[in-house]
Amino acid sequence: MSVRPSTLTELYGAEYCKMMHSFVENLNEKQRRLFLGLEARRLGHGGRRMLIEEFSASFSVIKQGESELLDPESLPAVERVRRPGGGSKLAEEKNPEIIGALGRIMEGHIAGDPMNGEVRWTDMRLSQIRDALEDEGFPLSEGTVKRLVKKTTRSKSRSRRRR
């Protein structure tokens, strides 16, 4: 008959427990709660007690983490992970001439609401705009072109059904 380990160190070993501590120290409050809840579910009977002793966590925090994992819709929205300004720069930031080229391409293809100067649209398809930009030396994805067109026209026209 085997004896059930009474601590995480006995269960996982000292080196793994040290790595777990390093990991948990780098989590925010929500992530820590969810990790401890997940680990408690995995460990089963006696797991909460081991986690409480090892990580100085409260029973209610671990129980809340378990509850949140069982009902994912109750989880609050995810905050921004990447620092502001992180990630790759926008195409128009890398190459400001793109906006001028877009204006030249769409010239004569932009219409708008005479009562509201902010509402403008274009009759060109995104693929046409993308191809024209590529011809001018700006190879962009259709998603980038869509974002740039939206930024400059603020609205798209829709085909209307005629009776």
Protein backbone atom coordinates (compact mmCIF):
# COMPACT_ATOMS: atom_id res chain seq x y z
CA MET A 1 0.00 0.00 0.00
CA SER A 2 1.50 3.34 -1.05
CA VAL A 3 1.43 6.48 1.06
CA ARG A 4 -0.16 9.56 -0.53
CA PRO A 5 2.23 12.55 -0.67
CA SER A 6 1.29 15.33 1.76
CA THR A 7 3.12 18.24 0.08
CA LEU A 8 3.69 19.44 -3.46
CA THR A 9 7.44 18.97 -2.97
CA GLU A 10 6.89 15.29 -2.17
CA LEU A 11 4.55 14.97 -5.14
CA TYR A 12 6.50 16.91 -7.79
CA GLY A 13 10.02 17.25 -6.41
CA ALA A 14 11.90 20.35 -5.21
CA GLU A 15 13.07 21.52 -8.65
CA TYR A 16 9.60 21.44 -10.20
CA CYS A 17 8.10 23.22 -7.18
CA LYS A 18 10.72 25.94 -7.52
CA MET A 19 9.71 26.41 -11.18
CA MET A 20 6.04 26.54 -10.17
CA HIS A 21 6.83 29.29 -7.66
CA SER A 22 8.69 31.28 -10.32
CA PHE A 23 5.73 30.87 -12.66
CA VAL A 24 3.08 31.86 -10.09
CA GLU A 25 5.08 34.94 -9.03
CA ASN A 26 4.84 36.27 -12.60
CA LEU A 27 1.05 35.91 -12.85
CA ASN A 28 -1.44 38.64 -12.11
CA GLU A 29 -4.15 38.06 -9.50
CA LYS A 30 -6.70 36.61 -11.92
CA GLN A 31 -4.17 34.32 -13.63
CA ARG A 32 -2.89 33.11 -10.25
CA ARG A 33 -6.43 32.30 -9.09
CA LEU A 34 -7.20 30.40 -12.30
CA PHE A 35 -3.91 28.47 -12.21
CA LEU A 36 -4.43 27.44 -8.58
CA GLY A 37 -8.03 26.43 -9.36
CA LEU A 38 -6.89 24.35 -12.31
CA GLU A 39 -4.13 22.70 -10.30
CA ALA A 40 -6.54 21.95 -7.44
CA ARG A 41 -8.91 20.23 -9.86
CA ARG A 42 -6.04 18.21 -11.28
CA LEU A 43 -4.70 17.16 -7.89
CA GLY A 44 -8.09 16.04 -6.61
CA HIS A 45 -8.68 15.19 -2.94
CA GLY A 46 -6.24 17.04 -0.71
CA GLY A 47 -4.97 19.19 -3.57
CA ARG A 48 -6.38 22.46 -2.22
CA ARG A 49 -4.68 21.92 1.12
CA MET A 50 -1.32 21.33 -0.56
CA LEU A 51 -1.74 24.47 -2.69
CA ILE A 52 -2.79 26.56 0.33
CA GLU A 53 0.35 25.50 2.19
CA GLU A 54 2.73 25.79 -0.76
CA PHE A 55 1.54 29.13 -2.18
CA SER A 56 0.06 30.77 0.93
CA ALA A 57 -3.23 31.04 -0.89
CA SER A 58 -6.64 31.11 0.75
CA PHE A 59 -9.23 28.40 0.30
CA SER A 60 -11.72 30.92 -1.12
CA VAL A 61 -9.27 32.10 -3.82
CA ILE A 62 -8.67 28.53 -5.01
CA LYS A 63 -12.39 27.71 -4.86
CA GLN A 64 -13.20 30.88 -6.87
CA GLY A 65 -10.61 29.90 -9.49
CA GLU A 66 -12.21 26.48 -9.82
CA SER A 67 -15.68 28.01 -10.15
CA GLU A 68 -14.53 30.46 -12.82
CA LEU A 69 -12.95 27.63 -14.83
CA LEU A 70 -16.18 25.62 -14.68
CA ASP A 71 -18.20 28.63 -15.94
CA PRO A 72 -16.00 30.44 -18.51
CA GLU A 73 -18.71 33.04 -19.28
CA SER A 74 -18.36 34.35 -15.73
CA LEU A 75 -14.73 35.25 -16.37
CA PRO A 76 -14.11 38.98 -16.77
CA ALA A 77 -12.82 40.25 -20.11
CA VAL A 78 -9.12 39.77 -20.82
CA GLU A 79 -7.04 42.88 -20.30
CA ARG A 80 -4.37 43.98 -22.72
CA VAL A 81 -1.29 41.77 -22.42
CA ARG A 82 1.09 43.53 -24.76
CA ARG A 83 2.51 46.88 -23.70
CA PRO A 84 1.03 49.89 -25.52
CA GLY A 85 3.07 50.47 -28.65
CA GLY A 86 4.10 46.82 -28.82
CA GLY A 87 3.77 44.77 -31.96
CA SER A 88 4.60 45.69 -35.51
CA LYS A 89 4.06 49.24 -36.69
CA LEU A 90 1.14 50.11 -38.94
CA ALA A 91 1.84 50.27 -42.68
CA GLU A 92 1.12 54.02 -42.81
CA GLU A 93 3.55 54.63 -39.93
CA LYS A 94 6.29 52.71 -41.70
CA ASN A 95 5.57 54.40 -45.02
CA PRO A 96 3.56 57.66 -44.75
CA GLU A 97 3.36 58.01 -48.56
CA ILE A 98 0.70 55.27 -48.58
CA ILE A 99 -2.01 57.73 -47.49
CA GLY A 100 -1.17 60.10 -50.38
CA ALA A 101 -1.20 57.22 -52.87
CA LEU A 102 -4.53 56.03 -51.51
CA GLY A 103 -5.96 59.54 -51.94
CA ARG A 104 -4.77 59.71 -55.56
CA ILE A 105 -6.20 56.27 -56.36
CA MET A 106 -9.59 56.99 -54.82
CA GLU A 107 -9.87 60.51 -56.29
CA GLY A 108 -13.05 60.66 -58.32
CA HIS A 109 -14.37 57.51 -56.65
CA ILE A 110 -15.47 59.07 -53.37
CA ALA A 111 -19.02 60.29 -52.74
CA GLY A 112 -20.69 61.55 -49.61
CA ASP A 113 -23.68 62.91 -47.81
CA PRO A 114 -24.04 66.63 -48.59
CA MET A 115 -25.76 67.19 -45.23
CA ASN A 116 -23.01 65.45 -43.26
CA GLY A 117 -19.44 66.01 -44.46
CA GLU A 118 -18.12 63.16 -42.31
CA VAL A 119 -20.11 60.48 -44.14
CA ARG A 120 -18.17 59.47 -47.26
CA TRP A 121 -17.90 56.28 -49.23
CA THR A 122 -16.22 54.85 -52.28
CA ASP A 123 -17.53 52.84 -55.22
CA MET A 124 -14.22 50.97 -55.64
CA ARG A 125 -13.82 47.40 -54.44
CA LEU A 126 -11.06 46.71 -51.91
CA SER A 127 -9.35 44.39 -54.38
CA GLN A 128 -9.24 47.20 -56.97
CA ILE A 129 -7.73 49.60 -54.42
CA ARG A 130 -5.22 46.96 -53.29
CA ASP A 131 -4.15 46.23 -56.87
CA ALA A 132 -3.75 49.96 -57.65
CA LEU A 133 -1.65 50.44 -54.49
CA GLU A 134 0.48 47.46 -55.47
CA ASP A 135 1.02 49.00 -58.92
CA GLU A 136 2.33 52.12 -57.15
CA GLY A 137 4.78 50.05 -55.14
CA PHE A 138 2.78 49.49 -51.94
CA PRO A 139 2.01 45.77 -51.63
CA LEU A 140 -0.56 45.56 -48.82
CA SER A 141 -2.96 42.93 -47.58
CA GLU A 142 -6.66 43.41 -48.19
CA GLY A 143 -7.17 43.76 -44.43
CA THR A 144 -4.71 46.68 -44.30
CA VAL A 145 -6.38 48.30 -47.31
CA LYS A 146 -9.78 47.89 -45.65
CA ARG A 147 -8.51 49.59 -42.48
CA LEU A 148 -6.98 52.47 -44.46
CA VAL A 149 -10.13 52.98 -46.56
CA LYS A 150 -12.28 52.94 -43.44
CA LYS A 151 -9.96 55.49 -41.86
CA THR A 152 -10.22 57.86 -44.83
CA THR A 153 -13.88 57.40 -45.85
CA ARG A 154 -15.55 56.52 -42.53
CA SER A 155 -18.37 54.65 -44.24
CA LYS A 156 -18.87 52.15 -47.04
CA SER A 157 -21.67 52.18 -49.54
CA ARG A 158 -23.83 49.15 -49.80
CA SER A 159 -25.52 47.82 -52.87
CA ARG A 160 -29.16 48.72 -52.69
CA ARG A 161 -31.83 46.54 -54.13
CA ARG A 162 -33.99 48.30 -56.70
CA ARG A 163 -37.63 47.48 -57.21
